[in-house]
C-alpha atoms as a PDB file:
ATOM      1  CA  THR A   1      25.132  13.283  10.430  1.00  0.00           C
ATOM      2  CA  VAL A   2      24.352  10.870   7.579  1.00  0.00           C
ATOM      3  CA  SER A   3      25.617   7.189   7.788  1.00  0.00           C
ATOM      4  CA  TYR A   4      24.669   4.205   5.441  1.00  0.00           C
ATOM      5  CA  SER A   5      23.621   6.401   2.644  1.00  0.00           C
ATOM      6  CA  ASP A   6      24.063   6.902  -1.137  1.00  0.00           C
ATOM      7  CA  VAL A   7      25.210  10.357  -1.433  1.00  0.00           C
ATOM      8  CA  GLU A   8      25.379  12.118  -5.122  1.00  0.00           C
ATOM      9  CA  GLY A   9      28.587  13.720  -4.783  1.00  0.00           C
ATOM     10  CA  GLY A  10      29.688  12.253  -1.645  1.00  0.00           C
ATOM     11  CA  VAL A  11      29.138  13.457   2.102  1.00  0.00           C
ATOM     12  CA  ALA A  12      32.442  15.439   1.770  1.00  0.00           C
ATOM     13  CA  ASP A  13      31.074  17.540  -0.544  1.00  0.00           C
ATOM     14  CA  SER A  14      28.300  18.559   1.171  1.00  0.00           C
ATOM     15  CA  PHE A  15      26.990  20.129   4.130  1.00  0.00           C
ATOM     16  CA  MET A  16      26.358  16.883   6.140  1.00  0.00           C
ATOM     17  CA  THR A  17      28.660  14.836   8.445  1.00  0.00           C
ATOM     18  CA  ASP A  18      29.816  11.932   7.501  1.00  0.00           C
ATOM     19  CA  GLY A  19      29.039   8.989   9.861  1.00  0.00           C
ATOM     20  CA  GLY A  20      30.286   6.021   7.939  1.00  0.00           C
ATOM     21  CA  ASN A  21      29.373   3.394   5.502  1.00  0.00           C
ATOM     22  CA  ASN A  22      28.150   6.049   2.760  1.00  0.00           C
ATOM     23  CA  ILE A  23      28.833   5.351  -0.698  1.00  0.00           C
ATOM     24  CA  ASN A  24      28.775   7.758  -3.960  1.00  0.00           C
ATOM     25  CA  SER A  25      27.476   5.742  -6.687  1.00  0.00           C
ATOM     26  CA  ASP A  26      24.479   5.385  -9.111  1.00  0.00           C
ATOM     27  CA  PRO A  27      22.001   3.385  -7.134  1.00  0.00           C
ATOM     28  CA  LEU A  28      20.594   1.750 -10.031  1.00  0.00           C
ATOM     29  CA  PHE A  29      16.964   1.955  -9.560  1.00  0.00           C
ATOM     30  CA  VAL A  30      14.996   0.072 -11.966  1.00  0.00           C
ATOM     31  CA  ASP A  31      13.438   1.317 -15.213  1.00  0.00           C
ATOM     32  CA  THR A  32      11.418   4.175 -14.593  1.00  0.00           C
ATOM     33  CA  ALA A  33       9.823   4.330 -18.319  1.00  0.00           C
ATOM     34  CA  GLY A  34       6.111   4.127 -18.117  1.00  0.00           C
ATOM     35  CA  VAL A  35       5.847   4.954 -14.429  1.00  0.00           C
ATOM     36  CA  PRO A  36       3.172   7.131 -13.923  1.00  0.00           C
ATOM     37  CA  ASP A  37       5.031   9.792 -11.580  1.00  0.00           C
ATOM     38  CA  GLY A  38       8.090   8.646 -13.030  1.00  0.00           C
ATOM     39  CA  TRP A  39       9.891   7.386  -9.696  1.00  0.00           C
ATOM     40  CA  ASP A  40      10.221   3.957  -8.966  1.00  0.00           C
ATOM     41  CA  LEU A  41      12.861   3.529  -6.279  1.00  0.00           C
ATOM     42  CA  ARG A  42      13.306  -0.292  -6.336  1.00  0.00           C
ATOM     43  CA  LEU A  43      16.657  -1.559  -6.855  1.00  0.00           C
ATOM     44  CA  GLN A  44      18.131  -3.304  -9.887  1.00  0.00           C
ATOM     45  CA  ILE A  45      19.868  -6.726  -9.377  1.00  0.00           C
ATOM     46  CA  THR A  46      23.499  -4.997  -9.419  1.00  0.00           C
ATOM     47  CA  SER A  47      22.917  -1.863  -7.204  1.00  0.00           C
ATOM     48  CA  PRO A  48      25.701  -0.970  -4.771  1.00  0.00           C
ATOM     49  CA  CYS A  49      22.725  -0.409  -2.225  1.00  0.00           C
ATOM     50  CA  ILE A  50      21.859  -4.061  -1.999  1.00  0.00           C
ATOM     51  CA  GLU A  51      22.644  -5.438   1.758  1.00  0.00           C
ATOM     52  CA  ALA A  52      24.446  -2.070   2.339  1.00  0.00           C
ATOM     53  CA  GLY A  53      22.200  -0.491   5.089  1.00  0.00           C
ATOM     54  CA  ASP A  54      22.169  -0.749   8.974  1.00  0.00           C
ATOM     55  CA  ASN A  55      20.321  -3.594  10.510  1.00  0.00           C
ATOM     56  CA  SER A  56      20.427  -1.633  13.830  1.00  0.00           C
ATOM     57  CA  ALA A  57      19.283   1.786  12.009  1.00  0.00           C
ATOM     58  CA  PRO A  58      16.677   3.634  14.291  1.00  0.00           C
ATOM     59  CA  TYR A  59      13.042   3.651  12.927  1.00  0.00           C
ATOM     60  CA  LEU A  60      13.730   0.823  10.904  1.00  0.00           C
ATOM     61  CA  THR A  61      10.434  -0.872   9.904  1.00  0.00           C
ATOM     62  CA  ALA A  62       9.862  -4.601   9.891  1.00  0.00           C
ATOM     63  CA  VAL A  63       8.517  -4.429   6.129  1.00  0.00           C
ATOM     64  CA  ASP A  64       9.583  -2.274   3.240  1.00  0.00           C
ATOM     65  CA  LEU A  65       6.957  -0.126   1.377  1.00  0.00           C
ATOM     66  CA  ASP A  66       5.687  -3.210  -0.840  1.00  0.00           C
ATOM     67  CA  GLY A  67       5.212  -5.146   2.456  1.00  0.00           C
ATOM     68  CA  ASN A  68       8.533  -7.591   1.923  1.00  0.00           C
ATOM     69  CA  PRO A  69      10.432  -8.116   5.029  1.00  0.00           C
ATOM     70  CA  ARG A  70      13.618  -5.881   5.568  1.00  0.00           C
ATOM     71  CA  ILE A  71      16.291  -7.893   7.099  1.00  0.00           C
ATOM     72  CA  ILE A  72      16.948 -10.849   4.813  1.00  0.00           C
ATOM     73  CA  ASP A  73      19.456 -12.301   2.699  1.00  0.00           C
ATOM     74  CA  GLY A  74      18.441 -11.171  -0.747  1.00  0.00           C
ATOM     75  CA  ASP A  75      21.335 -12.290  -2.403  1.00  0.00           C
ATOM     76  CA  HIS A  76      21.623 -15.454  -0.671  1.00  0.00           C
ATOM     77  CA  SER A  77      25.482 -14.428   0.692  1.00  0.00           C
ATOM     78  CA  GLY A  78      25.010 -16.367   4.018  1.00  0.00           C
ATOM     79  CA  THR A  79      24.475 -12.865   5.734  1.00  0.00           C
ATOM     80  CA  ALA A  80      20.971 -10.953   6.241  1.00  0.00           C
ATOM     81  CA  ILE A  81      21.705  -7.035   5.813  1.00  0.00           C
ATOM     82  CA  VAL A  82      18.938  -4.540   5.026  1.00  0.00           C
ATOM     83  CA  ASP A  83      19.032  -2.463   2.052  1.00  0.00           C
ATOM     84  CA  MET A  84      19.569   1.189   1.755  1.00  0.00           C
ATOM     85  CA  GLY A  85      16.385   3.032   0.291  1.00  0.00           C
ATOM     86  CA  SER A  86      12.792   2.159   0.704  1.00  0.00           C
ATOM     87  CA  TYR A  87      12.537  -1.166  -0.714  1.00  0.00           C
ATOM     88  CA  GLU A  88      14.101  -4.451  -0.020  1.00  0.00           C
ATOM     89  CA  TRP A  89      15.500  -6.522  -3.148  1.00  0.00           C
ATOM     90  CA  PHE A  90      15.361 -10.249  -3.182  1.00  0.00           C
ATOM     91  CA  LYS A  91      15.772 -12.959  -6.071  1.00  0.00           C
ATOM     92  CA  SER A  92      12.686 -15.373  -5.295  1.00  0.00           C
ATOM     93  CA  GLY A  93      12.514 -18.689  -7.249  1.00  0.00           C
ATOM     94  CA  PHE A  94      15.807 -17.777  -9.302  1.00  0.00           C
ATOM     95  CA  SER A  95      18.822 -19.571  -9.603  1.00  0.00           C
ATOM     96  CA  TRP A  96      22.404 -18.545  -9.896  1.00  0.00           C
ATOM     97  CA  THR A  97      23.713 -21.804 -11.143  1.00  0.00           C
ATOM     98  CA  MET A  98      25.426 -21.697 -14.646  1.00  0.00           C
ATOM     99  CA  PHE A  99      24.873 -24.723 -16.543  1.00  0.00           C
ATOM    100  CA  MET A 100      27.474 -25.886 -19.050  1.00  0.00           C
ATOM    101  CA  PRO A 101      25.916 -28.123 -21.615  1.00  0.00           C
ATOM    102  CA  SER A 102      27.899 -31.215 -22.823  1.00  0.00           C
ATOM    103  CA  ILE A 103      28.544 -31.415 -26.285  1.00  0.00           C
ATOM    104  CA  ILE A 104      28.415 -34.544 -28.004  1.00  0.00           C
ATOM    105  CA  GLY A 105      30.235 -35.230 -31.276  1.00  0.00           C
ATOM    106  CA  MET A 106      32.700 -32.606 -31.281  1.00  0.00           C
ATOM    107  CA  GLY A 107      36.235 -33.063 -32.844  1.00  0.00           C
ATOM    108  CA  LYS A 108      35.171 -36.123 -34.822  1.00  0.00           C
END
């Protein structure tokens, strides 16, 4: 039984039993160019796996493989949900605020 996972092709098209909350999407791992073993399973900012895990999953560790806390509000949505996968994605010291500059003297 598989739940809270990103399964290529979907769980229905496999030998697994769907336990719910699975997705069939590109996980959008970071660029692996130049990575010695060719695999970097950290997530890009637009990954559908961010905050898509199960906070009560058995064997959920307190930290990810980088030593970062697992259950955090990484996208600052107001709800802390663990990410799918081995690494927790979070923005740090980054602001999503969009600044609209004032344009003086236009239309004169």
